[in-house]
N, C-alpha and C. Protein backbone atom coordinates (compact mmCIF):
# COMPACT_ATOMS: atom_id res chain seq x y z
N MET A 1 4.70 -3.43 -7.32
CA MET A 1 5.53 -4.27 -6.47
C MET A 1 5.83 -5.56 -7.22
N SER A 2 7.03 -5.68 -7.80
CA SER A 2 7.34 -6.90 -8.54
C SER A 2 8.39 -7.77 -7.83
N ARG A 3 9.32 -7.16 -7.10
CA ARG A 3 10.33 -7.91 -6.34
C ARG A 3 10.41 -7.29 -4.95
N ILE A 4 10.43 -8.15 -3.93
CA ILE A 4 10.60 -7.64 -2.57
C ILE A 4 11.65 -8.47 -1.86
N ASP A 5 12.38 -7.82 -0.96
CA ASP A 5 13.42 -8.53 -0.22
C ASP A 5 12.79 -9.35 0.90
N ALA A 6 13.60 -10.20 1.51
CA ALA A 6 13.10 -11.14 2.52
C ALA A 6 12.52 -10.43 3.74
N ALA A 7 13.15 -9.36 4.19
CA ALA A 7 12.64 -8.64 5.37
C ALA A 7 11.27 -8.05 5.08
N THR A 8 11.11 -7.47 3.90
CA THR A 8 9.83 -6.89 3.52
C THR A 8 8.78 -7.98 3.38
N ALA A 9 9.18 -9.11 2.82
CA ALA A 9 8.25 -10.24 2.67
C ALA A 9 7.79 -10.75 4.03
N ARG A 10 8.71 -10.89 4.99
CA ARG A 10 8.33 -11.35 6.33
C ARG A 10 7.36 -10.37 6.97
N SER A 11 7.63 -9.09 6.83
CA SER A 11 6.76 -8.07 7.37
C SER A 11 5.38 -8.11 6.71
N LEU A 12 5.34 -8.29 5.41
CA LEU A 12 4.09 -8.36 4.67
C LEU A 12 3.26 -9.56 5.12
N ILE A 13 3.89 -10.72 5.23
CA ILE A 13 3.18 -11.93 5.65
C ILE A 13 2.65 -11.78 7.08
N ALA A 14 3.44 -11.16 7.95
CA ALA A 14 3.03 -10.98 9.34
C ALA A 14 1.87 -9.98 9.48
N SER A 15 1.87 -8.95 8.65
CA SER A 15 0.86 -7.90 8.78
C SER A 15 -0.41 -8.16 7.97
N ASP A 16 -0.34 -9.03 6.97
CA ASP A 16 -1.50 -9.28 6.11
C ASP A 16 -1.76 -10.78 6.03
N PRO A 17 -2.70 -11.28 6.82
CA PRO A 17 -2.98 -12.72 6.82
C PRO A 17 -3.54 -13.24 5.50
N GLY A 18 -3.92 -12.34 4.59
CA GLY A 18 -4.45 -12.75 3.30
C GLY A 18 -3.40 -13.00 2.24
N VAL A 19 -2.13 -12.77 2.57
CA VAL A 19 -1.06 -12.99 1.59
C VAL A 19 -0.96 -14.48 1.30
N ARG A 20 -0.92 -14.84 0.02
CA ARG A 20 -0.74 -16.22 -0.38
C ARG A 20 0.70 -16.39 -0.83
N VAL A 21 1.37 -17.39 -0.31
CA VAL A 21 2.74 -17.69 -0.72
C VAL A 21 2.67 -18.87 -1.67
N LEU A 22 3.09 -18.64 -2.92
CA LEU A 22 3.06 -19.66 -3.96
C LEU A 22 4.50 -20.07 -4.26
N ASP A 23 4.85 -21.29 -3.86
CA ASP A 23 6.20 -21.82 -4.03
C ASP A 23 6.24 -22.63 -5.32
N VAL A 24 7.05 -22.20 -6.29
CA VAL A 24 7.08 -22.83 -7.61
C VAL A 24 8.24 -23.83 -7.77
N ARG A 25 8.87 -24.23 -6.66
CA ARG A 25 9.96 -25.21 -6.72
C ARG A 25 9.41 -26.62 -6.90
N THR A 26 10.31 -27.57 -7.08
CA THR A 26 9.90 -28.97 -7.21
C THR A 26 9.35 -29.47 -5.87
N PRO A 27 8.53 -30.52 -5.90
CA PRO A 27 8.01 -31.07 -4.65
C PRO A 27 9.13 -31.48 -3.68
N GLY A 28 10.23 -32.00 -4.21
CA GLY A 28 11.35 -32.40 -3.35
C GLY A 28 11.97 -31.21 -2.64
N GLU A 29 12.17 -30.11 -3.36
CA GLU A 29 12.72 -28.90 -2.74
C GLU A 29 11.75 -28.35 -1.70
N PHE A 30 10.48 -28.33 -2.04
CA PHE A 30 9.45 -27.82 -1.14
C PHE A 30 9.40 -28.64 0.14
N ALA A 31 9.46 -29.97 -0.01
CA ALA A 31 9.40 -30.86 1.16
C ALA A 31 10.58 -30.64 2.08
N SER A 32 11.72 -30.26 1.53
CA SER A 32 12.92 -30.03 2.33
C SER A 32 12.76 -28.86 3.28
N ALA A 33 12.26 -27.74 2.76
CA ALA A 33 12.04 -26.55 3.59
C ALA A 33 11.16 -25.58 2.81
N HIS A 34 10.18 -25.01 3.50
CA HIS A 34 9.31 -24.03 2.87
C HIS A 34 8.75 -23.06 3.90
N ILE A 35 8.25 -21.95 3.42
CA ILE A 35 7.63 -20.95 4.28
C ILE A 35 6.29 -21.51 4.76
N ALA A 36 6.00 -21.34 6.04
CA ALA A 36 4.75 -21.85 6.61
C ALA A 36 3.56 -21.32 5.83
N GLY A 37 2.64 -22.22 5.51
CA GLY A 37 1.43 -21.85 4.79
C GLY A 37 1.58 -21.75 3.29
N ALA A 38 2.79 -21.96 2.77
CA ALA A 38 3.02 -21.87 1.34
C ALA A 38 2.29 -22.99 0.61
N VAL A 39 1.90 -22.70 -0.62
CA VAL A 39 1.28 -23.68 -1.50
C VAL A 39 2.30 -24.04 -2.56
N ASN A 40 2.54 -25.34 -2.74
CA ASN A 40 3.51 -25.79 -3.74
C ASN A 40 2.81 -26.07 -5.06
N LEU A 41 3.19 -25.31 -6.08
CA LEU A 41 2.70 -25.50 -7.44
C LEU A 41 3.91 -25.36 -8.35
N PRO A 42 4.63 -26.48 -8.59
CA PRO A 42 5.86 -26.41 -9.36
C PRO A 42 5.65 -25.77 -10.73
N LEU A 43 6.56 -24.91 -11.09
CA LEU A 43 6.46 -24.17 -12.34
C LEU A 43 6.30 -25.11 -13.53
N ASP A 44 7.06 -26.20 -13.56
CA ASP A 44 6.99 -27.11 -14.70
C ASP A 44 5.68 -27.89 -14.75
N GLN A 45 4.96 -28.00 -13.63
CA GLN A 45 3.68 -28.70 -13.62
C GLN A 45 2.51 -27.75 -13.79
N ALA A 46 2.69 -26.51 -13.41
CA ALA A 46 1.59 -25.54 -13.46
C ALA A 46 1.23 -25.20 -14.90
N GLY A 47 2.26 -25.01 -15.73
CA GLY A 47 2.03 -24.72 -17.14
C GLY A 47 1.01 -23.63 -17.35
N ALA A 48 0.06 -23.90 -18.21
CA ALA A 48 -0.98 -22.93 -18.55
C ALA A 48 -1.92 -22.67 -17.38
N ARG A 49 -1.95 -23.55 -16.40
CA ARG A 49 -2.84 -23.40 -15.25
C ARG A 49 -2.39 -22.31 -14.28
N LEU A 50 -1.17 -21.83 -14.42
CA LEU A 50 -0.66 -20.81 -13.51
C LEU A 50 -1.54 -19.56 -13.53
N ARG A 51 -1.94 -19.14 -14.72
CA ARG A 51 -2.82 -17.96 -14.83
C ARG A 51 -4.14 -18.21 -14.12
N ASP A 52 -4.72 -19.39 -14.34
CA ASP A 52 -5.98 -19.74 -13.69
C ASP A 52 -5.82 -19.75 -12.17
N ALA A 53 -4.69 -20.27 -11.72
CA ALA A 53 -4.46 -20.41 -10.28
C ALA A 53 -4.50 -19.08 -9.56
N VAL A 54 -3.84 -18.08 -10.08
CA VAL A 54 -3.79 -16.79 -9.38
C VAL A 54 -4.94 -15.87 -9.74
N ALA A 55 -5.64 -16.16 -10.84
CA ALA A 55 -6.76 -15.31 -11.25
C ALA A 55 -7.85 -15.28 -10.19
N GLY A 56 -8.03 -16.37 -9.46
CA GLY A 56 -9.08 -16.42 -8.45
C GLY A 56 -8.64 -15.99 -7.07
N VAL A 57 -7.44 -15.44 -6.94
CA VAL A 57 -6.93 -15.02 -5.63
C VAL A 57 -7.28 -13.55 -5.40
N ASP A 58 -7.89 -13.28 -4.24
CA ASP A 58 -8.28 -11.91 -3.93
C ASP A 58 -7.14 -11.06 -3.41
N GLY A 59 -6.27 -11.65 -2.61
CA GLY A 59 -5.20 -10.88 -1.97
C GLY A 59 -3.91 -10.89 -2.75
N ARG A 60 -2.85 -10.54 -2.05
CA ARG A 60 -1.52 -10.51 -2.65
C ARG A 60 -0.96 -11.91 -2.78
N VAL A 61 -0.09 -12.10 -3.78
CA VAL A 61 0.56 -13.38 -4.01
C VAL A 61 2.06 -13.15 -4.01
N LEU A 62 2.77 -13.93 -3.19
CA LEU A 62 4.22 -13.88 -3.13
C LEU A 62 4.75 -15.14 -3.80
N LEU A 63 5.46 -14.98 -4.91
CA LEU A 63 6.04 -16.10 -5.64
C LEU A 63 7.42 -16.41 -5.09
N VAL A 64 7.68 -17.69 -4.81
CA VAL A 64 8.93 -18.10 -4.18
C VAL A 64 9.52 -19.30 -4.92
N CYS A 65 10.84 -19.29 -5.07
CA CYS A 65 11.58 -20.47 -5.53
C CYS A 65 12.88 -20.51 -4.73
N GLN A 66 13.88 -21.20 -5.21
CA GLN A 66 15.12 -21.31 -4.44
C GLN A 66 15.95 -20.03 -4.51
N SER A 67 16.08 -19.46 -5.71
CA SER A 67 16.94 -18.28 -5.87
C SER A 67 16.22 -17.06 -6.40
N GLY A 68 15.00 -17.22 -6.85
CA GLY A 68 14.23 -16.11 -7.42
C GLY A 68 14.06 -16.21 -8.92
N VAL A 69 14.83 -17.06 -9.58
CA VAL A 69 14.79 -17.16 -11.05
C VAL A 69 13.47 -17.78 -11.53
N ARG A 70 13.10 -18.94 -10.97
CA ARG A 70 11.86 -19.58 -11.41
C ARG A 70 10.64 -18.76 -11.01
N ALA A 71 10.70 -18.11 -9.86
CA ALA A 71 9.59 -17.27 -9.43
C ALA A 71 9.43 -16.08 -10.37
N GLU A 72 10.52 -15.51 -10.81
CA GLU A 72 10.46 -14.41 -11.77
C GLU A 72 9.90 -14.91 -13.10
N ARG A 73 10.28 -16.10 -13.50
CA ARG A 73 9.73 -16.69 -14.73
C ARG A 73 8.21 -16.87 -14.59
N ALA A 74 7.76 -17.29 -13.41
CA ALA A 74 6.32 -17.44 -13.17
C ALA A 74 5.62 -16.09 -13.24
N ARG A 75 6.22 -15.06 -12.64
CA ARG A 75 5.62 -13.72 -12.68
C ARG A 75 5.51 -13.23 -14.12
N SER A 76 6.54 -13.46 -14.90
CA SER A 76 6.52 -13.05 -16.31
C SER A 76 5.43 -13.80 -17.07
N ALA A 77 5.26 -15.09 -16.78
CA ALA A 77 4.23 -15.89 -17.45
C ALA A 77 2.83 -15.40 -17.10
N LEU A 78 2.69 -14.85 -15.90
CA LEU A 78 1.38 -14.34 -15.48
C LEU A 78 1.00 -13.07 -16.24
N GLY A 79 1.99 -12.25 -16.53
CA GLY A 79 1.69 -10.99 -17.20
C GLY A 79 0.69 -10.20 -16.37
N ASP A 80 -0.41 -9.81 -16.99
CA ASP A 80 -1.45 -9.03 -16.30
C ASP A 80 -2.56 -9.91 -15.74
N ALA A 81 -2.40 -11.23 -15.83
CA ALA A 81 -3.46 -12.13 -15.41
C ALA A 81 -3.63 -12.21 -13.90
N GLY A 82 -2.57 -11.97 -13.17
CA GLY A 82 -2.63 -12.12 -11.72
C GLY A 82 -3.15 -10.88 -11.03
N PRO A 83 -3.38 -11.00 -9.73
CA PRO A 83 -3.80 -9.84 -8.97
C PRO A 83 -2.70 -8.78 -8.97
N ALA A 84 -3.07 -7.55 -8.68
CA ALA A 84 -2.11 -6.44 -8.72
C ALA A 84 -0.94 -6.64 -7.77
N GLY A 85 -1.14 -7.39 -6.71
CA GLY A 85 -0.11 -7.55 -5.69
C GLY A 85 0.81 -8.72 -5.89
N VAL A 86 1.04 -9.19 -7.10
CA VAL A 86 1.96 -10.32 -7.32
C VAL A 86 3.39 -9.81 -7.18
N ALA A 87 4.17 -10.50 -6.34
CA ALA A 87 5.56 -10.12 -6.12
C ALA A 87 6.44 -11.36 -6.07
N VAL A 88 7.69 -11.18 -6.38
CA VAL A 88 8.69 -12.25 -6.32
C VAL A 88 9.58 -12.00 -5.11
N LEU A 89 9.82 -13.05 -4.34
CA LEU A 89 10.76 -12.96 -3.22
C LEU A 89 12.16 -12.90 -3.81
N ASP A 90 12.77 -11.73 -3.76
CA ASP A 90 14.10 -11.51 -4.32
C ASP A 90 15.12 -12.38 -3.60
N GLY A 91 15.80 -13.23 -4.34
CA GLY A 91 16.77 -14.14 -3.74
C GLY A 91 16.17 -15.44 -3.27
N GLY A 92 14.84 -15.58 -3.35
CA GLY A 92 14.14 -16.81 -3.03
C GLY A 92 14.38 -17.33 -1.62
N MET A 93 14.28 -18.64 -1.49
CA MET A 93 14.46 -19.29 -0.19
C MET A 93 15.87 -19.10 0.34
N ASN A 94 16.84 -18.95 -0.57
CA ASN A 94 18.21 -18.68 -0.12
C ASN A 94 18.24 -17.39 0.71
N ALA A 95 17.61 -16.34 0.19
CA ALA A 95 17.58 -15.05 0.91
C ALA A 95 16.71 -15.14 2.15
N TRP A 96 15.59 -15.87 2.05
CA TRP A 96 14.67 -16.01 3.18
C TRP A 96 15.38 -16.64 4.38
N THR A 97 16.05 -17.77 4.17
CA THR A 97 16.72 -18.44 5.27
C THR A 97 17.94 -17.65 5.75
N ALA A 98 18.66 -17.00 4.82
CA ALA A 98 19.83 -16.20 5.21
C ALA A 98 19.43 -15.03 6.09
N SER A 99 18.21 -14.53 5.90
CA SER A 99 17.76 -13.38 6.70
C SER A 99 17.09 -13.82 8.00
N GLY A 100 17.09 -15.12 8.27
CA GLY A 100 16.52 -15.61 9.51
C GLY A 100 15.04 -15.92 9.43
N GLY A 101 14.48 -15.99 8.22
CA GLY A 101 13.07 -16.32 8.06
C GLY A 101 12.78 -17.74 8.51
N ALA A 102 11.67 -17.92 9.19
CA ALA A 102 11.28 -19.24 9.70
C ALA A 102 10.83 -20.13 8.54
N VAL A 103 11.19 -21.41 8.62
CA VAL A 103 10.78 -22.38 7.62
C VAL A 103 10.26 -23.64 8.29
N GLU A 104 9.39 -24.33 7.59
CA GLU A 104 8.97 -25.65 8.02
C GLU A 104 9.87 -26.63 7.29
N ARG A 105 10.55 -27.47 8.06
CA ARG A 105 11.51 -28.39 7.47
C ARG A 105 10.96 -29.81 7.42
N GLY A 106 11.34 -30.49 6.37
CA GLY A 106 11.01 -31.90 6.20
C GLY A 106 12.30 -32.65 5.93
N ARG A 107 12.20 -33.71 5.19
CA ARG A 107 13.39 -34.49 4.82
C ARG A 107 14.28 -33.64 3.92
N ALA A 108 15.54 -33.51 4.29
CA ALA A 108 16.47 -32.68 3.53
C ALA A 108 16.71 -33.27 2.14
N ARG A 109 16.63 -32.41 1.15
CA ARG A 109 16.91 -32.78 -0.25
C ARG A 109 17.77 -31.69 -0.85
N TRP A 110 18.50 -32.03 -1.87
CA TRP A 110 19.34 -31.05 -2.54
C TRP A 110 18.50 -30.15 -3.41
N ALA A 111 18.82 -28.86 -3.39
CA ALA A 111 18.16 -27.91 -4.27
C ALA A 111 18.52 -28.23 -5.72
N LEU A 112 17.67 -27.86 -6.62
CA LEU A 112 17.88 -28.13 -8.04
C LEU A 112 19.19 -27.54 -8.55
N GLU A 113 19.52 -26.32 -8.11
CA GLU A 113 20.78 -25.69 -8.54
C GLU A 113 21.99 -26.52 -8.11
N ARG A 114 21.92 -27.10 -6.91
CA ARG A 114 23.03 -27.93 -6.43
C ARG A 114 23.14 -29.21 -7.25
N GLN A 115 21.99 -29.77 -7.62
CA GLN A 115 22.00 -30.97 -8.45
C GLN A 115 22.62 -30.69 -9.81
N VAL A 116 22.30 -29.53 -10.38
CA VAL A 116 22.88 -29.14 -11.67
C VAL A 116 24.39 -29.05 -11.55
N ARG A 117 24.88 -28.41 -10.49
CA ARG A 117 26.33 -28.29 -10.30
C ARG A 117 26.99 -29.66 -10.20
N LEU A 118 26.35 -30.60 -9.47
CA LEU A 118 26.90 -31.94 -9.32
C LEU A 118 26.96 -32.67 -10.68
N VAL A 119 25.86 -32.66 -11.40
CA VAL A 119 25.82 -33.38 -12.68
C VAL A 119 26.77 -32.74 -13.68
N ALA A 120 26.71 -31.42 -13.83
CA ALA A 120 27.59 -30.75 -14.80
C ALA A 120 29.06 -30.97 -14.45
N GLY A 121 29.41 -30.80 -13.19
CA GLY A 121 30.80 -31.00 -12.76
C GLY A 121 31.26 -32.43 -12.97
N SER A 122 30.40 -33.39 -12.66
CA SER A 122 30.75 -34.80 -12.83
C SER A 122 30.96 -35.16 -14.29
N VAL A 123 30.08 -34.66 -15.16
CA VAL A 123 30.22 -34.95 -16.59
C VAL A 123 31.49 -34.32 -17.14
N VAL A 124 31.78 -33.08 -16.74
CA VAL A 124 33.01 -32.42 -17.21
C VAL A 124 34.23 -33.19 -16.72
N LEU A 125 34.27 -33.54 -15.44
CA LEU A 125 35.40 -34.28 -14.90
C LEU A 125 35.58 -35.62 -15.62
N ALA A 126 34.48 -36.35 -15.78
CA ALA A 126 34.56 -37.66 -16.44
C ALA A 126 35.02 -37.54 -17.89
N SER A 127 34.55 -36.51 -18.58
CA SER A 127 34.95 -36.36 -19.99
C SER A 127 36.40 -35.93 -20.12
N VAL A 128 36.89 -35.10 -19.19
CA VAL A 128 38.30 -34.70 -19.22
C VAL A 128 39.19 -35.91 -18.94
N VAL A 129 38.83 -36.71 -17.94
CA VAL A 129 39.61 -37.92 -17.64
C VAL A 129 39.55 -38.88 -18.82
N ALA A 130 38.36 -39.08 -19.40
CA ALA A 130 38.22 -39.97 -20.55
C ALA A 130 39.02 -39.48 -21.75
N SER A 131 39.20 -38.15 -21.84
CA SER A 131 39.92 -37.60 -22.99
C SER A 131 41.40 -37.98 -22.98
N LEU A 132 41.91 -38.48 -21.84
CA LEU A 132 43.28 -38.97 -21.79
C LEU A 132 43.45 -40.19 -22.68
N TRP A 133 42.39 -40.99 -22.84
CA TRP A 133 42.42 -42.18 -23.68
C TRP A 133 41.65 -41.97 -25.00
N ILE A 134 40.60 -41.16 -24.92
CA ILE A 134 39.76 -40.90 -26.10
C ILE A 134 39.70 -39.37 -26.27
N PRO A 135 40.60 -38.80 -27.05
CA PRO A 135 40.68 -37.35 -27.17
C PRO A 135 39.35 -36.66 -27.51
N ALA A 136 38.50 -37.31 -28.27
CA ALA A 136 37.22 -36.70 -28.65
C ALA A 136 36.29 -36.49 -27.45
N ALA A 137 36.54 -37.16 -26.34
CA ALA A 137 35.69 -37.01 -25.14
C ALA A 137 35.75 -35.60 -24.58
N ALA A 138 36.80 -34.85 -24.90
CA ALA A 138 36.90 -33.47 -24.44
C ALA A 138 35.77 -32.62 -25.00
N ALA A 139 35.20 -33.04 -26.12
CA ALA A 139 34.09 -32.31 -26.72
C ALA A 139 32.87 -32.29 -25.80
N VAL A 140 32.69 -33.34 -25.02
CA VAL A 140 31.56 -33.39 -24.08
C VAL A 140 31.72 -32.30 -23.03
N ALA A 141 32.94 -32.12 -22.53
CA ALA A 141 33.20 -31.05 -21.56
C ALA A 141 32.90 -29.69 -22.19
N ALA A 142 33.29 -29.53 -23.44
CA ALA A 142 33.02 -28.27 -24.14
C ALA A 142 31.52 -28.04 -24.30
N LEU A 143 30.77 -29.09 -24.59
CA LEU A 143 29.32 -28.95 -24.73
C LEU A 143 28.67 -28.56 -23.40
N ILE A 144 29.12 -29.17 -22.33
CA ILE A 144 28.57 -28.81 -21.01
C ILE A 144 28.92 -27.37 -20.68
N GLY A 145 30.14 -26.96 -20.95
CA GLY A 145 30.53 -25.57 -20.72
C GLY A 145 29.69 -24.61 -21.55
N ALA A 146 29.46 -24.95 -22.81
CA ALA A 146 28.62 -24.11 -23.67
C ALA A 146 27.19 -24.05 -23.14
N GLY A 147 26.68 -25.20 -22.68
CA GLY A 147 25.33 -25.24 -22.11
C GLY A 147 25.21 -24.37 -20.87
N LEU A 148 26.23 -24.39 -20.02
CA LEU A 148 26.21 -23.54 -18.82
C LEU A 148 26.28 -22.06 -19.18
N ALA A 149 27.06 -21.73 -20.21
CA ALA A 149 27.14 -20.34 -20.67
C ALA A 149 25.79 -19.88 -21.21
N VAL A 150 25.15 -20.71 -22.01
CA VAL A 150 23.82 -20.38 -22.55
C VAL A 150 22.81 -20.25 -21.40
N ALA A 151 22.90 -21.14 -20.43
CA ALA A 151 21.99 -21.08 -19.28
C ALA A 151 22.14 -19.75 -18.54
N ALA A 152 23.37 -19.30 -18.37
CA ALA A 152 23.60 -18.02 -17.69
C ALA A 152 23.10 -16.85 -18.52
N LEU A 153 23.34 -16.88 -19.82
CA LEU A 153 22.93 -15.77 -20.68
C LEU A 153 21.41 -15.69 -20.85
N THR A 154 20.74 -16.83 -20.90
CA THR A 154 19.29 -16.83 -21.12
C THR A 154 18.49 -16.95 -19.83
N ASP A 155 19.17 -17.17 -18.72
CA ASP A 155 18.52 -17.36 -17.42
C ASP A 155 17.55 -18.54 -17.43
N THR A 156 17.92 -19.57 -18.20
CA THR A 156 17.18 -20.83 -18.22
C THR A 156 18.19 -21.95 -18.07
N CYS A 157 17.72 -23.13 -17.77
CA CYS A 157 18.65 -24.24 -17.61
C CYS A 157 17.99 -25.54 -18.05
N ALA A 158 18.39 -26.00 -19.22
CA ALA A 158 17.83 -27.25 -19.75
C ALA A 158 18.13 -28.42 -18.82
N MET A 159 19.34 -28.47 -18.27
CA MET A 159 19.70 -29.56 -17.37
C MET A 159 18.82 -29.52 -16.12
N GLY A 160 18.59 -28.33 -15.59
CA GLY A 160 17.72 -28.19 -14.43
C GLY A 160 16.30 -28.64 -14.72
N MET A 161 15.80 -28.30 -15.91
CA MET A 161 14.45 -28.72 -16.30
C MET A 161 14.37 -30.24 -16.40
N LEU A 162 15.43 -30.86 -16.92
CA LEU A 162 15.44 -32.33 -17.01
C LEU A 162 15.54 -32.96 -15.62
N LEU A 163 16.41 -32.42 -14.78
CA LEU A 163 16.55 -32.97 -13.42
C LEU A 163 15.26 -32.82 -12.61
N ALA A 164 14.50 -31.76 -12.86
CA ALA A 164 13.24 -31.55 -12.14
C ALA A 164 12.24 -32.66 -12.41
N LYS A 165 12.40 -33.36 -13.52
CA LYS A 165 11.48 -34.43 -13.89
C LYS A 165 11.84 -35.78 -13.27
N LEU A 166 13.00 -35.87 -12.62
CA LEU A 166 13.41 -37.13 -11.99
C LEU A 166 12.52 -37.46 -10.80
N PRO A 167 12.30 -38.74 -10.52
CA PRO A 167 11.47 -39.14 -9.37
C PRO A 167 11.95 -38.54 -8.04
N TYR A 168 13.25 -38.37 -7.89
CA TYR A 168 13.81 -37.78 -6.67
C TYR A 168 13.21 -36.40 -6.41
N ASN A 169 13.04 -35.62 -7.46
CA ASN A 169 12.51 -34.25 -7.33
C ASN A 169 11.00 -34.20 -7.34
N ARG A 170 10.37 -35.27 -7.71
CA ARG A 170 8.91 -35.31 -7.76
C ARG A 170 8.32 -36.04 -6.56
N ALA A 171 9.17 -36.43 -5.61
CA ALA A 171 8.72 -37.20 -4.45
C ALA A 171 7.52 -36.52 -3.80
N GLY A 172 6.50 -37.28 -3.59
CA GLY A 172 5.29 -36.74 -2.97
C GLY A 172 4.35 -36.17 -4.00
N GLY A 173 4.88 -35.70 -5.13
CA GLY A 173 4.06 -35.15 -6.20
C GLY A 173 3.19 -34.00 -5.74
N VAL A 174 2.55 -33.37 -6.68
CA VAL A 174 1.65 -32.26 -6.40
C VAL A 174 0.37 -32.48 -7.17
N ASP A 175 -0.75 -32.43 -6.48
CA ASP A 175 -2.06 -32.46 -7.12
C ASP A 175 -2.34 -31.01 -7.52
N VAL A 176 -2.20 -30.71 -8.81
CA VAL A 176 -2.31 -29.33 -9.29
C VAL A 176 -3.67 -28.73 -8.93
N GLU A 177 -4.73 -29.49 -9.11
CA GLU A 177 -6.07 -28.97 -8.81
C GLU A 177 -6.21 -28.64 -7.32
N ALA A 178 -5.70 -29.52 -6.46
CA ALA A 178 -5.78 -29.27 -5.01
C ALA A 178 -4.93 -28.06 -4.63
N ALA A 179 -3.76 -27.92 -5.26
CA ALA A 179 -2.90 -26.77 -4.97
C ALA A 179 -3.58 -25.47 -5.39
N ILE A 180 -4.24 -25.47 -6.54
CA ILE A 180 -4.95 -24.27 -7.00
C ILE A 180 -6.09 -23.94 -6.05
N ALA A 181 -6.84 -24.95 -5.62
CA ALA A 181 -7.94 -24.71 -4.68
C ALA A 181 -7.42 -24.14 -3.37
N ARG A 182 -6.31 -24.68 -2.89
CA ARG A 182 -5.73 -24.21 -1.62
C ARG A 182 -5.24 -22.77 -1.75
N LEU A 183 -4.65 -22.45 -2.91
CA LEU A 183 -4.16 -21.10 -3.15
C LEU A 183 -5.31 -20.10 -3.13
N ARG A 184 -6.44 -20.49 -3.66
CA ARG A 184 -7.59 -19.57 -3.74
C ARG A 184 -8.28 -19.40 -2.39
N GLN A 185 -8.08 -20.35 -1.48
CA GLN A 185 -8.68 -20.24 -0.15
C GLN A 185 -7.85 -19.28 0.68
N GLY A 186 -8.46 -18.74 1.72
CA GLY A 186 -7.68 -17.97 2.68
C GLY A 186 -6.80 -18.90 3.48
N PRO A 187 -5.66 -18.43 3.99
CA PRO A 187 -4.74 -19.29 4.74
C PRO A 187 -5.40 -20.03 5.89
N SER A 188 -6.32 -19.39 6.61
CA SER A 188 -6.95 -20.07 7.74
C SER A 188 -7.90 -21.16 7.28
N GLU A 189 -8.54 -20.95 6.09
CA GLU A 189 -9.46 -21.96 5.56
C GLU A 189 -8.70 -23.14 5.01
N ALA A 190 -7.47 -22.90 4.54
CA ALA A 190 -6.68 -23.98 3.92
C ALA A 190 -5.96 -24.83 4.94
N GLY A 191 -6.02 -24.45 6.20
CA GLY A 191 -5.34 -25.20 7.24
C GLY A 191 -3.86 -24.94 7.28
N ALA A 192 -3.43 -23.81 6.75
CA ALA A 192 -2.01 -23.47 6.70
C ALA A 192 -1.51 -23.02 8.04
């Protein structure tokens, strides 16, 4: 079981109270909306600790992000280190909410993908307008376009990784050690 759809995930969570939901989005995205009982351990902060985090989990682990890309990256990083039941929520929180899955909501924040679209679009627009006076400015638009093409081909996004480090996306922060401890506890013991 490596990818499961939102309906299957809801059914799994409802039928197995031992399922751990590990949300690898930024703290800002997590604070905006998350699955009840989920543990936030941002992929960029977990680093090498991701293997340690899931190694001590007895039950199944459902990896969640906004669209499924970061969660799949986390699953790949785990390799064989995680429990046999590690799965990625196919389509991430986008699919979860679209299918009517319940979420705990906090202060609304923009998803990282939306922030990337805003920054990339703004830079392209500004460079095209600037190119009316400074023709070489069009090269900036070309670089952003090339970066977006590389991001699509490699399924990574340098701009997204940089934006994830901004204070806006780190609001509230995550205590990695506390998140790992909570993940290893059963949901009822963790107060989820």
